[in-house]
Protein backbone atom coordinates (compact mmCIF):
# COMPACT_ATOMS: atom_id res chain seq x y z
CA MET A 1 0.00 0.00 0.00
CA ARG A 2 2.84 2.37 0.87
CA SER A 3 4.59 1.67 -2.43
CA LEU A 4 1.39 2.39 -4.37
CA LEU A 5 1.02 5.72 -2.59
CA VAL A 6 4.62 6.69 -3.34
CA ALA A 7 4.18 5.70 -7.00
CA ALA A 8 1.01 7.80 -7.25
CA LEU A 9 2.77 10.82 -5.80
CA LEU A 10 5.66 10.42 -8.23
CA LEU A 11 3.33 10.18 -11.22
CA ALA A 12 1.45 13.27 -10.07
CA GLY A 13 4.70 15.20 -9.79
CA CYS A 14 5.99 14.13 -13.20
CA GLY A 15 3.48 16.41 -14.93
CA LYS A 16 4.84 19.39 -13.02
CA LEU A 17 8.44 18.45 -13.73
CA GLU A 18 7.77 18.66 -17.47
CA GLN A 19 6.88 22.35 -17.06
CA VAL A 20 10.16 23.32 -15.39
CA GLY A 21 11.63 26.28 -17.24
CA ARG A 22 8.66 26.46 -19.62
CA ALA A 23 5.62 28.71 -19.73
CA PRO A 24 2.19 27.08 -19.27
CA GLU A 25 0.72 25.84 -22.54
CA PHE A 26 -2.64 26.98 -23.86
CA SER A 27 -5.54 24.54 -23.75
CA GLY A 28 -6.42 23.28 -27.20
CA LEU A 29 -9.81 24.05 -28.73
CA GLU A 30 -9.77 20.99 -30.98
CA GLY A 31 -12.48 18.55 -30.07
CA THR A 32 -14.37 20.96 -27.82
CA ASP A 33 -18.05 21.82 -28.06
CA GLN A 34 -17.13 25.28 -29.33
CA GLN A 35 -15.22 23.90 -32.29
CA TYR A 36 -17.97 21.41 -33.09
CA ALA A 37 -20.58 24.17 -33.06
CA MET A 38 -18.44 26.30 -35.38
CA TYR A 39 -17.62 23.67 -37.98
CA SER A 40 -20.80 21.60 -38.08
CA ALA A 41 -24.00 22.99 -39.53
CA ALA A 42 -27.19 22.21 -37.67
CA LEU A 43 -30.03 20.60 -39.60
CA PRO A 44 -32.85 23.08 -40.28
CA ALA A 45 -36.20 22.48 -38.64
CA ASP A 46 -37.93 22.95 -41.98
CA ALA A 47 -36.92 23.85 -45.51
CA GLY A 48 -39.06 26.69 -46.82
CA PRO A 49 -39.44 27.41 -50.52
CA ASP A 50 -36.85 29.77 -51.99
CA THR A 51 -38.84 31.94 -54.34
CA ALA A 52 -37.34 34.08 -57.02
CA SER A 53 -38.56 37.28 -55.36
CA GLU A 54 -36.65 36.53 -52.17
CA ALA A 55 -33.45 35.75 -54.02
CA SER A 56 -33.59 38.98 -56.06
CA SER A 57 -34.79 41.29 -53.27
CA LEU A 58 -32.75 44.37 -52.41
CA TRP A 59 -33.49 43.91 -48.71
CA ALA A 60 -32.48 40.84 -46.74
CA GLY A 61 -33.17 39.85 -43.18
CA GLY A 62 -29.93 38.01 -42.52
CA THR A 63 -27.39 38.95 -39.90
CA ASP A 64 -25.06 40.36 -42.57
CA SER A 65 -27.62 42.92 -43.75
CA LEU A 66 -27.80 46.49 -42.51
CA PHE A 67 -31.20 46.06 -40.87
CA GLY A 68 -30.83 42.45 -39.82
CA ASP A 69 -30.71 41.19 -36.23
CA ARG A 70 -27.05 40.67 -35.34
CA ARG A 71 -27.73 39.03 -31.98
CA ALA A 72 -26.63 35.45 -31.39
CA ALA A 73 -29.51 33.07 -31.98
CA ARG A 74 -28.14 29.89 -33.55
CA ARG A 75 -25.46 27.34 -32.87
CA GLY A 76 -22.05 28.67 -33.76
CA ASP A 77 -22.97 32.32 -33.12
CA ILE A 78 -20.83 34.39 -30.77
CA LEU A 79 -22.00 36.76 -28.06
CA THR A 80 -20.29 38.74 -25.31
CA VAL A 81 -20.82 37.86 -21.64
CA VAL A 82 -20.43 40.79 -19.25
CA ILE A 83 -19.43 39.77 -15.71
CA GLU A 84 -19.73 42.54 -13.12
CA ILE A 85 -19.87 41.07 -9.64
CA ASP A 86 -19.86 43.45 -6.68
CA ASP A 87 -21.30 41.53 -3.74
CA SER A 88 -20.88 42.09 -0.05
CA ALA A 89 -22.47 40.30 2.89
CA SER A 90 -22.19 40.73 6.63
CA ILE A 91 -23.82 38.47 9.21
CA SER A 92 -23.41 38.72 12.98
CA ASN A 93 -25.11 36.59 15.62
CA THR A 94 -24.86 36.67 19.42
CA THR A 95 -26.49 34.20 21.81
CA GLY A 96 -26.58 34.27 25.59
CA ARG A 97 -28.17 31.97 28.14
CA SER A 98 -28.03 31.84 31.93
CA ARG A 99 -29.84 29.63 34.45
CA ASN A 100 -29.58 29.20 38.24
CA GLY A 101 -31.37 26.68 40.40
CA ALA A 102 -31.44 25.66 44.07
CA GLN A 103 -33.34 22.89 45.83
CA SER A 104 -33.32 21.49 49.35
CA SER A 105 -35.40 18.96 51.27
CA GLY A 106 -35.42 17.62 54.81
CA LEU A 107 -37.44 16.12 57.68
CA PRO A 108 -37.15 18.48 60.64
CA ASP A 109 -39.84 16.74 62.70
CA LEU A 110 -41.60 13.45 61.94
CA LEU A 111 -42.72 11.57 65.10
CA GLY A 112 -39.26 12.11 66.53
CA ILE A 113 -37.66 9.93 63.87
CA PRO A 114 -35.18 12.59 62.60
CA GLN A 115 -33.92 13.21 66.14
CA ARG A 116 -33.32 9.50 66.67
CA LEU A 117 -31.51 9.19 63.34
CA ASP A 118 -29.31 12.23 64.12
CA ALA A 119 -27.76 10.32 67.01
CA GLU A 120 -26.64 7.59 64.62
CA LEU A 121 -25.37 9.94 61.89
CA PRO A 122 -21.79 11.26 61.77
CA GLN A 123 -21.01 14.49 63.59
CA GLY A 124 -22.41 17.50 61.76
CA ALA A 125 -24.99 15.52 59.77
CA SER A 126 -28.67 16.04 60.41
CA MET A 127 -31.92 14.79 58.95
CA ALA A 128 -33.30 18.29 59.30
CA THR A 129 -31.87 18.84 55.81
CA ALA A 130 -31.87 15.53 54.03
CA TYR A 131 -30.31 16.95 50.90
CA GLU A 132 -29.54 20.30 49.30
CA SER A 133 -28.50 21.00 45.72
CA LYS A 134 -27.57 24.07 43.71
CA SER A 135 -26.98 24.39 39.98
CA SER A 136 -25.80 27.13 37.69
CA SER A 137 -25.44 27.17 33.91
CA THR A 138 -24.14 29.93 31.66
CA PHE A 139 -23.65 29.93 27.88
CA LYS A 140 -22.48 32.65 25.54
CA GLY A 141 -21.89 32.36 21.80
CA ALA A 142 -20.95 34.80 19.07
CA GLY A 143 -20.31 34.43 15.33
CA SER A 144 -19.80 36.71 12.39
CA VAL A 145 -19.34 36.38 8.63
CA SER A 146 -18.01 39.14 6.39
CA ARG A 147 -17.50 38.76 2.65
CA LYS A 148 -16.79 41.15 -0.19
CA GLU A 149 -16.25 40.20 -3.83
CA LYS A 150 -15.70 42.41 -6.85
CA LEU A 151 -15.03 41.14 -10.36
CA THR A 152 -15.37 42.90 -13.71
CA LEU A 153 -14.72 40.86 -16.85
CA ARG A 154 -15.90 40.47 -20.44
CA ILE A 155 -15.60 37.28 -22.47
CA ALA A 156 -16.81 36.09 -25.87
CA ALA A 157 -18.88 32.91 -25.67
CA THR A 158 -20.12 30.55 -28.36
CA VAL A 159 -23.59 29.10 -28.73
CA VAL A 160 -22.90 25.37 -28.67
CA GLU A 161 -26.46 24.03 -28.58
CA GLU A 162 -30.03 25.08 -29.30
CA LEU A 163 -32.49 23.41 -26.95
CA PRO A 164 -35.99 22.40 -28.11
CA ASN A 165 -37.57 25.22 -26.05
CA GLY A 166 -35.44 27.85 -27.78
CA VAL A 167 -32.93 28.33 -24.95
CA LEU A 168 -29.27 28.53 -25.99
CA ARG A 169 -26.41 26.77 -24.22
CA VAL A 170 -23.27 28.89 -24.34
CA GLU A 171 -19.64 28.22 -23.48
CA GLY A 172 -16.74 30.61 -23.36
CA GLN A 173 -13.07 30.15 -22.57
CA GLN A 174 -10.33 32.76 -22.43
CA GLU A 175 -6.66 32.33 -21.63
CA VAL A 176 -4.09 35.08 -21.21
CA ARG A 177 -0.43 34.25 -20.64
CA VAL A 178 1.82 36.79 -18.95
CA ASN A 179 5.41 35.60 -18.62
CA PHE A 180 5.10 32.23 -16.83
CA GLU A 181 1.57 32.65 -15.49
CA MET A 182 -1.63 31.69 -17.32
CA ARG A 183 -4.88 33.40 -16.41
CA GLU A 184 -8.04 31.46 -17.27
CA LEU A 185 -11.67 32.52 -17.51
CA ILE A 186 -14.41 29.98 -18.22
CA VAL A 187 -18.15 30.69 -18.55
CA THR A 188 -20.97 28.21 -19.24
CA GLY A 189 -24.74 28.39 -18.87
CA TYR A 190 -28.12 28.75 -20.55
CA VAL A 191 -29.36 31.93 -22.21
CA ARG A 192 -32.72 33.07 -23.54
CA PRO A 193 -32.33 34.76 -26.93
CA SER A 194 -34.64 37.57 -25.81
CA ASP A 195 -32.21 38.47 -23.00
CA VAL A 196 -29.39 39.20 -25.47
CA SER A 197 -29.12 42.98 -25.96
CA ARG A 198 -28.93 44.83 -29.28
CA GLN A 199 -25.17 45.04 -28.74
CA ASN A 200 -25.08 41.22 -28.69
CA GLU A 201 -24.21 41.23 -25.00
CA ILE A 202 -25.68 39.54 -21.96
CA THR A 203 -24.95 40.02 -18.28
CA TYR A 204 -24.04 37.10 -16.06
CA ASP A 205 -27.16 37.49 -13.89
CA LYS A 206 -29.34 36.51 -16.86
CA ILE A 207 -27.52 33.23 -17.46
CA ALA A 208 -29.30 30.24 -15.94
CA GLY A 209 -27.05 27.65 -14.32
CA ALA A 210 -24.08 29.97 -14.78
CA ARG A 211 -20.68 28.49 -14.03
CA ILE A 212 -17.94 31.12 -13.88
CA ALA A 213 -14.35 30.15 -13.13
CA TYR A 214 -11.55 32.69 -12.92
CA GLY A 215 -8.15 31.45 -11.90
CA GLY A 216 -4.78 30.58 -13.26
CA ARG A 217 -1.92 28.17 -13.47
CA GLY A 218 1.80 28.66 -13.55
CA GLN A 219 4.70 29.35 -11.24
CA ILE A 220 2.91 31.85 -9.00
CA THR A 221 -0.13 29.63 -8.62
CA ASP A 222 2.06 26.63 -7.79
CA MET A 223 3.80 28.57 -5.03
CA GLN A 224 0.44 29.46 -3.49
CA GLN A 225 -0.60 25.81 -3.25
CA PRO A 226 0.69 23.28 -0.70
CA THR A 227 2.76 20.39 -2.00
CA TYR A 228 1.18 17.04 -2.87
CA GLY A 229 2.64 15.41 0.23
CA GLN A 230 1.21 18.09 2.48
CA GLN A 231 -2.23 17.83 0.85
CA VAL A 232 -2.24 14.04 1.35
CA ALA A 233 -1.10 14.44 4.95
CA ASP A 234 -3.88 16.95 5.65
CA ILE A 235 -6.46 14.44 4.38
CA VAL A 236 -5.04 11.28 5.97
CA MET A 237 -3.84 12.59 9.35
CA PRO A 238 -6.67 12.47 11.93
CA PHE A 239 -5.16 15.23 14.10
């Protein structure tokens, strides 16, 4: 078991060793849903008749025309996703509880029985107070949460699928390499064509099931992460 763990750690580190002295490589777009949507034409729902008047008309309703709708509406179209997140939240809770209790019981006079028993009890003990108890409980709790996030980004996304109800599934990926650090931005979700603005843009709050990832990989990111051995130790060690 120990040898298998060591072998797994070595294999995991081999991928990092290949990047020594080299900048992070871009992720390929070949074989992705975006490429498939770009290069494959979707089958039309119906084939309408192409009359001679439509072919010879001076005015056309396509996206390339002056008066045509240039918003993304079909698979392979591109639109811009505007991400402007400025959220802040603050929660504070305080709880307090206090309770005191006292109870005593005895037999000061019952047909002379307590007096007779007192003679048999150790010195200082008396049946006048058979038992006496006191209790006290105090609890205090406090908790607070404070969060502030601000993110402003724009990314071009591709319509990769048209659902039967007319909703569009979009995916966008952007990579920027600066020296030896790669910054990545990924956006996926579902969009209603009517929510796309005239500028062919849509804000992130109108994307259903939005998945937004903004991070990076490279030398700086590696230094901010614990080593594989430390990550395994944090999971395995019970203390």
